[in-house]
PDB file of all heavy atoms in Angstrom:
ATOM      1  N   ALA A   1     -13.539  35.955  46.311  1.00  0.00           N
ATOM      2  CA  ALA A   1     -12.904  36.928  47.201  1.00  0.00           C
ATOM      3  C   ALA A   1     -11.480  36.510  47.546  1.00  0.00           C
ATOM      4  O   ALA A   1     -10.560  37.335  47.571  1.00  0.00           O
ATOM      5  CB  ALA A   1     -13.729  37.084  48.487  1.00  0.00           C
ATOM      6  N   ASN A   2     -11.285  35.225  47.802  1.00  0.00           N
ATOM      7  CA  ASN A   2      -9.937  34.738  48.114  1.00  0.00           C
ATOM      8  C   ASN A   2      -8.995  34.923  46.939  1.00  0.00           C
ATOM      9  O   ASN A   2      -7.821  35.251  47.106  1.00  0.00           O
ATOM     10  CB  ASN A   2      -9.986  33.258  48.505  1.00  0.00           C
ATOM     11  CG  ASN A   2     -10.593  33.046  49.883  1.00  0.00           C
ATOM     12  OD1 ASN A   2     -10.669  33.986  50.674  1.00  0.00           O
ATOM     13  ND2 ASN A   2     -11.027  31.830  50.159  1.00  0.00           N
ATOM     14  N   PHE A   3      -9.533  34.721  45.722  1.00  0.00           N
ATOM     15  CA  PHE A   3      -8.694  34.888  44.522  1.00  0.00           C
ATOM     16  C   PHE A   3      -8.295  36.345  44.337  1.00  0.00           C
ATOM     17  O   PHE A   3      -7.128  36.671  44.101  1.00  0.00           O
ATOM     18  CB  PHE A   3      -9.447  34.389  43.290  1.00  0.00           C
ATOM     19  CG  PHE A   3      -8.735  34.667  41.999  1.00  0.00           C
ATOM     20  CD1 PHE A   3      -7.676  33.872  41.597  1.00  0.00           C
ATOM     21  CD2 PHE A   3      -9.114  35.724  41.198  1.00  0.00           C
ATOM     22  CE1 PHE A   3      -7.014  34.122  40.405  1.00  0.00           C
ATOM     23  CE2 PHE A   3      -8.453  35.992  40.014  1.00  0.00           C
ATOM     24  CZ  PHE A   3      -7.415  35.183  39.621  1.00  0.00           C
ATOM     25  N   VAL A   4      -9.279  37.256  44.465  1.00  0.00           N
ATOM     26  CA  VAL A   4      -9.011  38.674  44.233  1.00  0.00           C
ATOM     27  C   VAL A   4      -8.124  39.253  45.319  1.00  0.00           C
ATOM     28  O   VAL A   4      -7.172  39.984  45.064  1.00  0.00           O
ATOM     29  CB  VAL A   4     -10.345  39.464  44.149  1.00  0.00           C
ATOM     30  CG1 VAL A   4     -10.075  40.959  44.083  1.00  0.00           C
ATOM     31  CG2 VAL A   4     -11.144  39.009  42.944  1.00  0.00           C
ATOM     32  N   LEU A   5      -8.413  38.905  46.571  1.00  0.00           N
ATOM     33  CA  LEU A   5      -7.657  39.467  47.686  1.00  0.00           C
ATOM     34  C   LEU A   5      -6.346  38.754  47.929  1.00  0.00           C
ATOM     35  O   LEU A   5      -5.511  39.226  48.696  1.00  0.00           O
ATOM     36  CB  LEU A   5      -8.511  39.432  48.970  1.00  0.00           C
ATOM     37  CG  LEU A   5      -9.795  40.264  48.919  1.00  0.00           C
ATOM     38  CD1 LEU A   5     -10.589  40.067  50.199  1.00  0.00           C
ATOM     39  CD2 LEU A   5      -9.466  41.739  48.726  1.00  0.00           C
ATOM     40  N   GLY A   6      -6.174  37.610  47.298  1.00  0.00           N
ATOM     41  CA  GLY A   6      -4.909  36.910  47.451  1.00  0.00           C
ATOM     42  C   GLY A   6      -4.756  36.230  48.778  1.00  0.00           C
ATOM     43  O   GLY A   6      -3.686  36.263  49.385  1.00  0.00           O
ATOM     44  N   GLU A   7      -5.809  35.612  49.298  1.00  0.00           N
ATOM     45  CA  GLU A   7      -5.710  34.925  50.580  1.00  0.00           C
ATOM     46  C   GLU A   7      -4.864  33.676  50.444  1.00  0.00           C
ATOM     47  O   GLU A   7      -4.727  33.097  49.378  1.00  0.00           O
ATOM     48  CB  GLU A   7      -7.109  34.547  51.087  1.00  0.00           C
ATOM     49  CG  GLU A   7      -7.996  35.757  51.350  1.00  0.00           C
ATOM     50  CD  GLU A   7      -7.476  36.637  52.469  1.00  0.00           C
ATOM     51  OE1 GLU A   7      -6.761  36.106  53.338  1.00  0.00           O
ATOM     52  OE2 GLU A   7      -7.753  37.836  52.469  1.00  0.00           O
ATOM     53  N   GLY A   8      -4.301  33.254  51.551  1.00  0.00           N
ATOM     54  CA  GLY A   8      -3.463  32.071  51.578  1.00  0.00           C
ATOM     55  C   GLY A   8      -4.295  30.816  51.755  1.00  0.00           C
ATOM     56  O   GLY A   8      -5.481  30.774  51.418  1.00  0.00           O
ATOM     57  N   PRO A   9      -3.702  29.741  52.308  1.00  0.00           N
ATOM     58  CA  PRO A   9      -4.428  28.514  52.519  1.00  0.00           C
ATOM     59  C   PRO A   9      -5.567  28.701  53.509  1.00  0.00           C
ATOM     60  O   PRO A   9      -5.631  29.690  54.226  1.00  0.00           O
ATOM     61  CB  PRO A   9      -3.345  27.567  53.081  1.00  0.00           C
ATOM     62  CG  PRO A   9      -2.055  28.201  52.739  1.00  0.00           C
ATOM     63  CD  PRO A   9      -2.299  29.653  52.682  1.00  0.00           C
ATOM     64  N   LYS A  10      -6.470  27.733  53.570  1.00  0.00           N
ATOM     65  CA  LYS A  10      -7.592  27.809  54.479  1.00  0.00           C
ATOM     66  C   LYS A  10      -7.088  27.857  55.914  1.00  0.00           C
ATOM     67  O   LYS A  10      -6.105  27.216  56.276  1.00  0.00           O
ATOM     68  CB  LYS A  10      -8.523  26.616  54.292  1.00  0.00           C
ATOM     69  CG  LYS A  10      -9.272  26.640  52.965  1.00  0.00           C
ATOM     70  CD  LYS A  10     -10.227  25.479  52.873  1.00  0.00           C
ATOM     71  CE  LYS A  10     -11.007  25.528  51.566  1.00  0.00           C
ATOM     72  NZ  LYS A  10     -11.948  24.395  51.448  1.00  0.00           N
ATOM     73  N   GLY A  11      -7.808  28.591  56.781  1.00  0.00           N
ATOM     74  CA  GLY A  11      -7.381  28.726  58.156  1.00  0.00           C
ATOM     75  C   GLY A  11      -6.507  29.952  58.337  1.00  0.00           C
ATOM     76  O   GLY A  11      -5.929  30.471  57.405  1.00  0.00           O
ATOM     77  N   THR A  12      -6.467  30.437  59.582  1.00  0.00           N
ATOM     78  CA  THR A  12      -5.663  31.615  59.885  1.00  0.00           C
ATOM     79  C   THR A  12      -4.233  31.199  60.185  1.00  0.00           C
ATOM     80  O   THR A  12      -4.001  30.395  61.094  1.00  0.00           O
ATOM     81  CB  THR A  12      -6.246  32.359  61.099  1.00  0.00           C
ATOM     82  OG1 THR A  12      -7.599  32.700  60.826  1.00  0.00           O
ATOM     83  CG2 THR A  12      -5.452  33.624  61.379  1.00  0.00           C
ATOM     84  N   PRO A  13      -3.250  31.708  59.462  1.00  0.00           N
ATOM     85  CA  PRO A  13      -1.865  31.330  59.725  1.00  0.00           C
ATOM     86  C   PRO A  13      -1.396  31.929  61.048  1.00  0.00           C
ATOM     87  O   PRO A  13      -1.955  32.925  61.522  1.00  0.00           O
ATOM     88  CB  PRO A  13      -1.109  31.937  58.539  1.00  0.00           C
ATOM     89  CG  PRO A  13      -1.964  33.045  58.070  1.00  0.00           C
ATOM     90  CD  PRO A  13      -3.377  32.632  58.329  1.00  0.00           C
ATOM     91  N   PRO A  14      -0.360  31.361  61.659  1.00  0.00           N
ATOM     92  CA  PRO A  14       0.164  31.909  62.906  1.00  0.00           C
ATOM     93  C   PRO A  14       0.613  33.353  62.733  1.00  0.00           C
ATOM     94  O   PRO A  14       0.930  33.803  61.634  1.00  0.00           O
ATOM     95  CB  PRO A  14       1.352  30.981  63.226  1.00  0.00           C
ATOM     96  CG  PRO A  14       1.064  29.727  62.478  1.00  0.00           C
ATOM     97  CD  PRO A  14       0.313  30.128  61.250  1.00  0.00           C
ATOM     98  N   GLU A  15       0.660  34.082  63.857  1.00  0.00           N
ATOM     99  CA  GLU A  15       1.013  35.496  63.814  1.00  0.00           C
ATOM    100  C   GLU A  15       2.393  35.719  63.210  1.00  0.00           C
ATOM    101  O   GLU A  15       2.590  36.648  62.420  1.00  0.00           O
ATOM    102  CB  GLU A  15       0.968  36.069  65.240  1.00  0.00           C
ATOM    103  CG  GLU A  15       1.235  37.564  65.310  1.00  0.00           C
ATOM    104  CD  GLU A  15       0.150  38.380  64.624  1.00  0.00           C
ATOM    105  OE1 GLU A  15      -1.006  37.909  64.542  1.00  0.00           O
ATOM    106  OE2 GLU A  15       0.478  39.480  64.143  1.00  0.00           O
ATOM    107  N   ARG A  16       3.347  34.870  63.550  1.00  0.00           N
ATOM    108  CA  ARG A  16       4.702  35.034  63.006  1.00  0.00           C
ATOM    109  C   ARG A  16       4.730  34.831  61.501  1.00  0.00           C
ATOM    110  O   ARG A  16       5.480  35.497  60.792  1.00  0.00           O
ATOM    111  CB  ARG A  16       5.664  34.059  63.687  1.00  0.00           C
ATOM    112  CG  ARG A  16       6.144  34.523  65.049  1.00  0.00           C
ATOM    113  CD  ARG A  16       7.205  33.602  65.569  1.00  0.00           C
ATOM    114  NE  ARG A  16       6.706  32.234  65.676  1.00  0.00           N
ATOM    115  CZ  ARG A  16       7.490  31.170  65.787  1.00  0.00           C
ATOM    116  NH1 ARG A  16       8.797  31.308  65.761  1.00  0.00           N
ATOM    117  NH2 ARG A  16       6.980  29.964  65.910  1.00  0.00           N
ATOM    118  N   VAL A  17       3.909  33.898  61.004  1.00  0.00           N
ATOM    119  CA  VAL A  17       3.841  33.668  59.563  1.00  0.00           C
ATOM    120  C   VAL A  17       3.271  34.902  58.863  1.00  0.00           C
ATOM    121  O   VAL A  17       3.804  35.368  57.846  1.00  0.00           O
ATOM    122  CB  VAL A  17       2.995  32.421  59.250  1.00  0.00           C
ATOM    123  CG1 VAL A  17       2.806  32.264  57.749  1.00  0.00           C
ATOM    124  CG2 VAL A  17       3.653  31.175  59.830  1.00  0.00           C
ATOM    125  N   ARG A  18       2.223  35.452  59.426  1.00  0.00           N
ATOM    126  CA  ARG A  18       1.638  36.655  58.824  1.00  0.00           C
ATOM    127  C   ARG A  18       2.615  37.830  58.868  1.00  0.00           C
ATOM    128  O   ARG A  18       2.697  38.624  57.931  1.00  0.00           O
ATOM    129  CB  ARG A  18       0.339  37.017  59.550  1.00  0.00           C
ATOM    130  CG  ARG A  18      -0.843  36.128  59.166  1.00  0.00           C
ATOM    131  CD  ARG A  18      -2.111  36.567  59.832  1.00  0.00           C
ATOM    132  NE  ARG A  18      -2.072  36.280  61.268  1.00  0.00           N
ATOM    133  CZ  ARG A  18      -2.997  36.686  62.132  1.00  0.00           C
ATOM    134  NH1 ARG A  18      -4.004  37.410  61.703  1.00  0.00           N
ATOM    135  NH2 ARG A  18      -2.916  36.372  63.402  1.00  0.00           N
ATOM    136  N   TRP A  19       3.383  37.935  59.957  1.00  0.00           N
ATOM    137  CA  TRP A  19       4.362  39.006  60.065  1.00  0.00           C
ATOM    138  C   TRP A  19       5.449  38.862  59.009  1.00  0.00           C
ATOM    139  O   TRP A  19       5.849  39.847  58.380  1.00  0.00           O
ATOM    140  CB  TRP A  19       4.984  38.988  61.463  1.00  0.00           C
ATOM    141  CG  TRP A  19       5.975  40.102  61.677  1.00  0.00           C
ATOM    142  CD1 TRP A  19       5.708  41.396  62.031  1.00  0.00           C
ATOM    143  CD2 TRP A  19       7.397  40.018  61.530  1.00  0.00           C
ATOM    144  NE1 TRP A  19       6.874  42.125  62.117  1.00  0.00           N
ATOM    145  CE2 TRP A  19       7.934  41.305  61.815  1.00  0.00           C
ATOM    146  CE3 TRP A  19       8.273  38.988  61.205  1.00  0.00           C
ATOM    147  CZ2 TRP A  19       9.290  41.571  61.772  1.00  0.00           C
ATOM    148  CZ3 TRP A  19       9.635  39.255  61.152  1.00  0.00           C
ATOM    149  CH2 TRP A  19      10.131  40.533  61.439  1.00  0.00           C
ATOM    150  N   LEU A  20       5.905  37.638  58.783  1.00  0.00           N
ATOM    151  CA  LEU A  20       6.924  37.402  57.756  1.00  0.00           C
ATOM    152  C   LEU A  20       6.395  37.720  56.363  1.00  0.00           C
ATOM    153  O   LEU A  20       7.104  38.279  55.523  1.00  0.00           O
ATOM    154  CB  LEU A  20       7.403  35.951  57.822  1.00  0.00           C
ATOM    155  CG  LEU A  20       8.290  35.578  59.017  1.00  0.00           C
ATOM    156  CD1 LEU A  20       8.541  34.069  59.057  1.00  0.00           C
ATOM    157  CD2 LEU A  20       9.612  36.333  58.964  1.00  0.00           C
ATOM    158  N   ILE A  21       5.125  37.378  56.115  1.00  0.00           N
ATOM    159  CA  ILE A  21       4.514  37.693  54.821  1.00  0.00           C
ATOM    160  C   ILE A  21       4.436  39.202  54.625  1.00  0.00           C
ATOM    161  O   ILE A  21       4.752  39.736  53.546  1.00  0.00           O
ATOM    162  CB  ILE A  21       3.110  37.061  54.719  1.00  0.00           C
ATOM    163  CG1 ILE A  21       3.188  35.537  54.720  1.00  0.00           C
ATOM    164  CG2 ILE A  21       2.397  37.558  53.465  1.00  0.00           C
ATOM    165  CD1 ILE A  21       3.873  34.951  53.505  1.00  0.00           C
ATOM    166  N   VAL A  22       4.015  39.918  55.684  1.00  0.00           N
ATOM    167  CA  VAL A  22       3.928  41.379  55.604  1.00  0.00           C
ATOM    168  C   VAL A  22       5.299  41.990  55.335  1.00  0.00           C
ATOM    169  O   VAL A  22       5.431  42.931  54.534  1.00  0.00           O
ATOM    170  CB  VAL A  22       3.320  41.955  56.901  1.00  0.00           C
ATOM    171  CG1 VAL A  22       3.463  43.480  56.942  1.00  0.00           C
ATOM    172  CG2 VAL A  22       1.855  41.572  57.006  1.00  0.00           C
ATOM    173  N   GLU A  23       6.330  41.459  55.976  1.00  0.00           N
ATOM    174  CA  GLU A  23       7.684  41.965  55.745  1.00  0.00           C
ATOM    175  C   GLU A  23       8.107  41.765  54.290  1.00  0.00           C
ATOM    176  O   GLU A  23       8.725  42.646  53.679  1.00  0.00           O
ATOM    177  CB  GLU A  23       8.671  41.262  56.678  1.00  0.00           C
ATOM    178  CG  GLU A  23       8.613  41.727  58.110  1.00  0.00           C
ATOM    179  CD  GLU A  23       8.945  43.202  58.257  1.00  0.00           C
ATOM    180  OE1 GLU A  23      10.034  43.612  57.796  1.00  0.00           O
ATOM    181  OE2 GLU A  23       8.102  43.952  58.783  1.00  0.00           O
ATOM    182  N   GLN A  24       7.765  40.629  53.743  1.00  0.00           N
ATOM    183  CA  GLN A  24       8.085  40.384  52.335  1.00  0.00           C
ATOM    184  C   GLN A  24       7.328  41.350  51.426  1.00  0.00           C
ATOM    185  O   GLN A  24       7.874  41.834  50.430  1.00  0.00           O
ATOM    186  CB  GLN A  24       7.744  38.934  51.971  1.00  0.00           C
ATOM    187  CG  GLN A  24       8.679  37.901  52.563  1.00  0.00           C
ATOM    188  CD  GLN A  24      10.104  38.039  52.047  1.00  0.00           C
ATOM    189  OE1 GLN A  24      10.313  38.366  50.882  1.00  0.00           O
ATOM    190  NE2 GLN A  24      11.073  37.805  52.910  1.00  0.00           N
ATOM    191  N   GLN A  25       6.069  41.646  51.780  1.00  0.00           N
ATOM    192  CA  GLN A  25       5.276  42.565  50.961  1.00  0.00           C
ATOM    193  C   GLN A  25       5.840  43.977  51.014  1.00  0.00           C
ATOM    194  O   GLN A  25       5.840  44.698  50.002  1.00  0.00           O
ATOM    195  CB  GLN A  25       3.812  42.570  51.436  1.00  0.00           C
ATOM    196  CG  GLN A  25       3.126  41.207  51.393  1.00  0.00           C
ATOM    197  CD  GLN A  25       2.876  40.723  49.975  1.00  0.00           C
ATOM    198  OE1 GLN A  25       3.666  40.967  49.069  1.00  0.00           O
ATOM    199  NE2 GLN A  25       1.791  40.016  49.781  1.00  0.00           N
ATOM    200  N   VAL A  26       6.309  44.391  52.196  1.00  0.00           N
ATOM    201  CA  VAL A  26       6.904  45.724  52.327  1.00  0.00           C
ATOM    202  C   VAL A  26       8.155  45.831  51.453  1.00  0.00           C
ATOM    203  O   VAL A  26       8.353  46.819  50.724  1.00  0.00           O
ATOM    204  CB  VAL A  26       7.243  46.025  53.799  1.00  0.00           C
ATOM    205  CG1 VAL A  26       8.091  47.300  53.910  1.00  0.00           C
ATOM    206  CG2 VAL A  26       5.972  46.176  54.622  1.00  0.00           C
TER     207      VAL A  26
END
């Protein structure tokens, strides 16, 4: 599931990190 969905490292990244990733994806 992690491979297909493209999850990052283990553990939940900080909110700002996830926001920056989302901005890059957009």
